[in-house]
Amino acid sequence: MYAGAAIAVGLFGHATPAGVAWLRCLGAAVVLLAWRRPGRAAWRGRRLALAIAFGIVTAGMNVLFYEAIARLPLGTVVAMEFIGPVLVAAFGSRSLRDVLAVVLVAGGVVAIADVRLSGSVLGVVFALGAAAAWAGYILLGKRVASAEGSGIDSLAIGFAAATVVLSPLAFGTGEVWSSPRMLLLGVGVGVLSTVVPYALDQVVLRRLGQARFAVLLALLPVTAGVMGFVLLAQVPSWPEALGTVAVVAGVALRSRDEVVRPVPEPPG
């Protein structure tokens, strides 16, 4: 996921942020459809409608996120975007322990992100939009994962539909099509940032409640910090270190609730 984000930022000089997000969507759709080859049942009725809604919301989340990080520091956007998962976790809380867990996670994420607004009102709007879309991703993703059939098949169909709906954004990718290398990188962003993590999300969402899943998402900035320390020798500041401890404590508290009965896996 982080490798894909790094590649995407490198492409911003050759395509618009929204155009890069569309390339990510296209790459994910091509790879997922070739891999899964969804059967006829996945293209019908309520399951199809849910897949399309999920795909459009998820792709829209990516577009808004890329537009936000083009205008604001990445840490600021990450902190603001986490408002979505934190709200989902908060509304799914049923006890004082749950509320404390959400407070710890929210405070920890803000500390890790080192929030600094840079005066871009439009950037803030995009970041808040991404936060709302992320909440929608969690809520719809749980329904897709729990529905009859394969959630990953629905993911493939959803991204195919989103690629078509958001096709006007392709006008911002002109320079990429003249370079096979950049086109390959665009597909790579789709694989690294979408196919792998979102397919894993579907596996996890079949087994967890959406509130607990939302809290677990707070491990993402923690993982980024650990990878930066181990691979890039980036030593975290005291606020970042304390934020990491707060997130881990919050996740541990929230993860102690009753186990959600897993949804049976489809045969085959």
Protein backbone atom coordinates (compact mmCIF):
# COMPACT_ATOMS: atom_id res chain seq x y z
CA MET A 1 0.00 0.00 0.00
CA TYR A 2 2.74 2.48 0.91
CA ALA A 3 4.83 1.51 -2.10
CA GLY A 4 1.81 2.23 -4.30
CA ALA A 5 1.33 5.64 -2.68
CA ALA A 6 4.99 6.50 -3.34
CA ILE A 7 4.63 5.56 -7.01
CA ALA A 8 1.41 7.61 -7.29
CA VAL A 9 3.10 10.74 -5.95
CA GLY A 10 5.87 10.26 -8.52
CA LEU A 11 3.25 10.26 -11.29
CA PHE A 12 1.69 13.56 -10.20
CA GLY A 13 4.19 15.42 -12.37
CA HIS A 14 2.90 13.64 -15.48
CA ALA A 15 -0.84 13.41 -14.77
CA THR A 16 -3.39 15.14 -12.58
CA PRO A 17 -3.98 13.61 -9.12
CA ALA A 18 -7.48 12.61 -10.19
CA GLY A 19 -6.04 11.12 -13.38
CA VAL A 20 -3.59 9.01 -11.38
CA ALA A 21 -6.47 7.85 -9.19
CA TRP A 22 -8.38 6.84 -12.33
CA LEU A 23 -5.34 4.89 -13.59
CA ARG A 24 -5.24 3.14 -10.22
CA CYS A 25 -8.90 2.23 -10.63
CA LEU A 26 -8.35 1.01 -14.22
CA GLY A 27 -5.34 -1.09 -13.25
CA ALA A 28 -7.22 -2.64 -10.34
CA ALA A 29 -10.26 -3.43 -12.51
CA VAL A 30 -8.18 -5.11 -15.23
CA VAL A 31 -6.19 -7.23 -12.80
CA LEU A 32 -9.17 -8.20 -10.65
CA LEU A 33 -11.37 -9.14 -13.62
CA ALA A 34 -8.57 -11.22 -15.19
CA TRP A 35 -7.92 -12.93 -11.86
CA ARG A 36 -11.47 -13.56 -10.62
CA ARG A 37 -13.58 -13.76 -13.82
CA PRO A 38 -16.86 -13.24 -11.91
CA GLY A 39 -19.69 -15.59 -12.88
CA ARG A 40 -23.11 -14.55 -14.17
CA ALA A 41 -24.65 -14.44 -10.69
CA ALA A 42 -22.29 -11.63 -9.71
CA TRP A 43 -23.60 -9.44 -12.55
CA ARG A 44 -27.25 -9.57 -11.53
CA GLY A 45 -29.75 -7.90 -9.22
CA ARG A 46 -28.97 -6.61 -5.75
CA ARG A 47 -25.47 -8.04 -5.72
CA LEU A 48 -24.57 -6.08 -8.87
CA ALA A 49 -26.09 -2.85 -7.52
CA LEU A 50 -24.17 -3.21 -4.23
CA ALA A 51 -20.92 -3.91 -6.09
CA ILE A 52 -21.34 -0.83 -8.29
CA ALA A 53 -22.09 1.42 -5.30
CA PHE A 54 -19.11 0.03 -3.41
CA GLY A 55 -16.78 0.49 -6.38
CA ILE A 56 -17.82 4.08 -7.04
CA VAL A 57 -17.52 5.09 -3.36
CA THR A 58 -14.10 3.43 -3.07
CA ALA A 59 -12.75 4.95 -6.28
CA GLY A 60 -14.17 8.32 -5.25
CA MET A 61 -12.34 8.01 -1.95
CA ASN A 62 -9.07 7.49 -3.83
CA VAL A 63 -9.68 10.50 -6.09
CA LEU A 64 -10.44 12.77 -3.13
CA PHE A 65 -7.40 11.51 -1.21
CA TYR A 66 -5.02 12.16 -4.13
CA GLU A 67 -6.47 15.63 -4.68
CA ALA A 68 -6.03 16.37 -0.97
CA ILE A 69 -2.38 15.25 -0.76
CA ALA A 70 -1.64 17.41 -3.81
CA ARG A 71 -2.60 20.46 -1.71
CA LEU A 72 -1.84 19.56 1.92
CA PRO A 73 0.93 17.71 3.78
CA LEU A 74 0.38 13.95 3.72
CA GLY A 75 0.28 13.76 7.52
CA THR A 76 -2.47 16.37 7.67
CA VAL A 77 -4.58 14.50 5.14
CA VAL A 78 -4.06 11.16 6.90
CA ALA A 79 -5.20 12.64 10.22
CA MET A 80 -8.29 14.25 8.70
CA GLU A 81 -9.18 11.19 6.64
CA PHE A 82 -9.17 9.04 9.76
CA ILE A 83 -12.22 10.97 10.96
CA GLY A 84 -14.23 8.50 8.84
CA PRO A 85 -13.06 5.23 10.46
CA VAL A 86 -13.09 6.82 13.93
CA LEU A 87 -16.75 7.86 13.51
CA VAL A 88 -17.67 4.36 12.32
CA ALA A 89 -15.94 2.92 15.37
CA ALA A 90 -17.61 5.45 17.66
CA PHE A 91 -21.12 4.69 16.40
CA GLY A 92 -20.40 0.98 16.82
CA SER A 93 -19.29 1.43 20.43
CA ARG A 94 -21.44 -0.08 23.16
CA SER A 95 -19.50 0.51 26.36
CA LEU A 96 -17.25 2.97 28.17
CA ARG A 97 -14.28 0.80 27.21
CA ASP A 98 -15.20 1.17 23.55
CA VAL A 99 -15.44 4.95 23.88
CA LEU A 100 -12.04 5.08 25.59
CA ALA A 101 -10.58 2.96 22.79
CA VAL A 102 -11.90 5.34 20.14
CA VAL A 103 -10.54 8.37 22.02
CA LEU A 104 -7.10 6.75 22.31
CA VAL A 105 -7.08 5.85 18.62
CA ALA A 106 -8.23 9.31 17.50
CA GLY A 107 -5.67 11.08 19.67
CA GLY A 108 -2.92 8.71 18.62
CA VAL A 109 -3.59 9.15 14.92
CA VAL A 110 -3.51 12.94 15.26
CA ALA A 111 -0.21 12.76 17.16
CA ILE A 112 1.34 10.45 14.57
CA ALA A 113 0.17 12.62 11.69
CA ASP A 114 1.52 15.86 13.21
CA VAL A 115 -1.42 17.89 11.88
CA ARG A 116 -0.55 21.20 10.21
CA LEU A 117 -3.07 23.05 8.05
CA SER A 118 -1.42 24.86 5.16
CA GLY A 119 -4.13 27.35 4.27
CA SER A 120 -5.68 25.33 1.43
CA VAL A 121 -9.41 25.38 1.99
CA LEU A 122 -9.96 23.17 -1.05
CA GLY A 123 -7.44 20.68 0.30
CA VAL A 124 -9.37 20.50 3.58
CA VAL A 125 -12.61 19.95 1.66
CA PHE A 126 -11.06 17.10 -0.32
CA ALA A 127 -9.63 15.53 2.86
CA LEU A 128 -12.99 15.67 4.65
CA GLY A 129 -14.66 14.23 1.56
CA ALA A 130 -12.16 11.36 1.61
CA ALA A 131 -12.98 10.80 5.29
CA ALA A 132 -16.70 10.53 4.51
CA ALA A 133 -15.98 8.19 1.60
CA TRP A 134 -13.78 6.02 3.84
CA ALA A 135 -16.67 5.62 6.27
CA GLY A 136 -18.83 4.61 3.31
CA TYR A 137 -16.14 2.15 2.18
CA ILE A 138 -16.24 0.42 5.57
CA LEU A 139 -20.04 0.26 5.76
CA LEU A 140 -20.53 -0.91 2.17
CA GLY A 141 -17.47 -3.16 2.32
CA LYS A 142 -18.95 -5.08 5.24
CA ARG A 143 -22.19 -5.61 3.30
CA VAL A 144 -20.27 -6.75 0.22
CA ALA A 145 -18.15 -9.13 2.27
CA SER A 146 -21.18 -10.57 4.09
CA ALA A 147 -23.34 -10.97 0.98
CA GLU A 148 -23.81 -14.24 -0.83
CA GLY A 149 -20.92 -15.03 -3.16
CA SER A 150 -17.39 -13.72 -3.21
CA GLY A 151 -16.67 -10.21 -2.00
CA ILE A 152 -13.55 -10.09 -4.16
CA ASP A 153 -15.67 -10.81 -7.26
CA SER A 154 -17.90 -7.89 -6.31
CA LEU A 155 -14.78 -5.79 -5.81
CA ALA A 156 -13.73 -6.56 -9.39
CA ILE A 157 -17.14 -5.62 -10.78
CA GLY A 158 -17.27 -2.48 -8.65
CA PHE A 159 -13.95 -1.17 -9.92
CA ALA A 160 -14.91 -1.97 -13.50
CA ALA A 161 -18.08 0.12 -13.06
CA ALA A 162 -16.16 2.92 -11.32
CA THR A 163 -13.64 3.02 -14.16
CA VAL A 164 -16.47 3.65 -16.62
CA VAL A 165 -18.32 6.18 -14.43
CA LEU A 166 -15.13 8.14 -13.70
CA SER A 167 -13.79 7.88 -17.28
CA PRO A 168 -13.83 11.70 -17.81
CA LEU A 169 -10.88 11.80 -15.39
CA ALA A 170 -8.86 9.97 -18.04
CA PHE A 171 -8.37 13.32 -19.79
CA GLY A 172 -5.89 14.12 -17.04
CA THR A 173 -3.67 11.17 -17.92
CA GLY A 174 -2.56 12.22 -21.42
CA GLU A 175 1.21 12.11 -20.93
CA VAL A 176 1.09 8.68 -19.29
CA TRP A 177 -0.23 6.96 -22.43
CA SER A 178 2.86 8.00 -24.40
CA SER A 179 5.16 6.15 -22.00
CA PRO A 180 4.83 2.37 -21.51
CA ARG A 181 6.87 2.73 -18.31
CA MET A 182 4.48 5.26 -16.75
CA LEU A 183 1.48 3.22 -17.89
CA LEU A 184 2.97 0.16 -16.20
CA LEU A 185 3.56 2.20 -13.05
CA GLY A 186 -0.08 3.31 -13.12
CA VAL A 187 -1.20 -0.33 -13.26
CA GLY A 188 1.29 -1.08 -10.49
CA VAL A 189 -0.37 1.53 -8.27
CA GLY A 190 -3.67 -0.29 -8.82
CA VAL A 191 -2.17 -3.63 -7.81
CA LEU A 192 -0.21 -2.40 -4.78
CA SER A 193 -2.67 0.15 -3.41
CA THR A 194 -5.97 -1.48 -4.37
CA VAL A 195 -5.92 -5.16 -5.42
CA VAL A 196 -3.80 -6.48 -2.54
CA PRO A 197 -5.06 -4.40 0.42
CA TYR A 198 -8.73 -4.23 -0.61
CA ALA A 199 -8.89 -7.95 -1.36
CA LEU A 200 -7.44 -8.60 2.10
CA ASP A 201 -10.02 -6.21 3.56
CA GLN A 202 -12.77 -8.39 2.13
CA VAL A 203 -11.30 -11.44 3.83
CA VAL A 204 -11.05 -9.61 7.16
CA LEU A 205 -14.49 -7.98 6.94
CA ARG A 206 -16.14 -11.41 6.62
CA ARG A 207 -14.83 -12.20 10.10
CA LEU A 208 -15.04 -8.88 11.98
CA GLY A 209 -17.69 -6.31 12.82
CA GLN A 210 -17.32 -3.03 10.95
CA ALA A 211 -16.63 -1.06 14.17
CA ARG A 212 -13.73 -3.28 15.17
CA PHE A 213 -12.42 -3.22 11.61
CA ALA A 214 -12.54 0.59 11.64
CA VAL A 215 -10.40 0.69 14.77
CA LEU A 216 -7.92 -1.80 13.31
CA LEU A 217 -7.44 0.55 10.36
CA ALA A 218 -5.68 2.90 12.78
CA LEU A 219 -2.75 0.49 12.66
CA LEU A 220 -1.98 1.80 9.17
CA PRO A 221 -0.09 4.95 10.28
CA VAL A 222 1.57 2.89 13.01
CA THR A 223 2.78 0.40 10.40
CA ALA A 224 4.03 3.26 8.25
CA GLY A 225 6.03 4.62 11.18
CA VAL A 226 7.54 1.23 11.96
CA MET A 227 8.49 0.67 8.32
CA GLY A 228 10.06 4.13 8.17
CA PHE A 229 12.14 3.37 11.28
CA VAL A 230 13.24 -0.10 10.17
CA LEU A 231 13.79 0.50 6.45
CA LEU A 232 14.60 4.21 6.24
CA ALA A 233 16.12 4.90 9.69
CA GLN A 234 13.45 7.57 10.29
CA VAL A 235 13.39 7.99 14.08
CA PRO A 236 9.91 9.01 15.32
CA SER A 237 9.48 12.13 17.43
CA TRP A 238 8.11 11.90 20.98
CA PRO A 239 4.56 12.85 19.86
CA GLU A 240 4.71 10.17 17.15
CA ALA A 241 5.98 7.56 19.60
CA LEU A 242 3.29 8.42 22.15
CA GLY A 243 0.69 8.40 19.37
CA THR A 244 1.78 4.91 18.37
CA VAL A 245 1.41 3.69 21.95
CA ALA A 246 -2.07 5.29 22.17
CA VAL A 247 -3.22 3.64 18.93
CA VAL A 248 -1.96 0.21 19.99
CA ALA A 249 -3.66 0.61 23.38
CA GLY A 250 -6.93 1.67 21.73
CA VAL A 251 -6.88 -1.21 19.27
CA ALA A 252 -6.16 -3.65 22.10
CA LEU A 253 -9.11 -2.32 24.12
CA ARG A 254 -11.54 -2.39 21.19
CA SER A 255 -10.38 -5.84 20.06
CA ARG A 256 -11.43 -7.42 23.35
CA ASP A 257 -15.14 -7.27 22.56
CA GLU A 258 -17.10 -10.38 21.80
CA VAL A 259 -16.04 -12.35 18.76
CA VAL A 260 -18.27 -11.82 15.73
CA ARG A 261 -19.41 -15.12 14.28
CA PRO A 262 -17.59 -15.56 10.97
CA VAL A 263 -19.58 -15.60 7.76
CA PRO A 264 -19.20 -19.07 6.19
CA GLU A 265 -16.86 -19.10 3.24
CA PRO A 266 -18.46 -19.90 -0.12
CA PRO A 267 -17.71 -23.41 -1.43
CA GLY A 268 -14.77 -23.71 -3.80
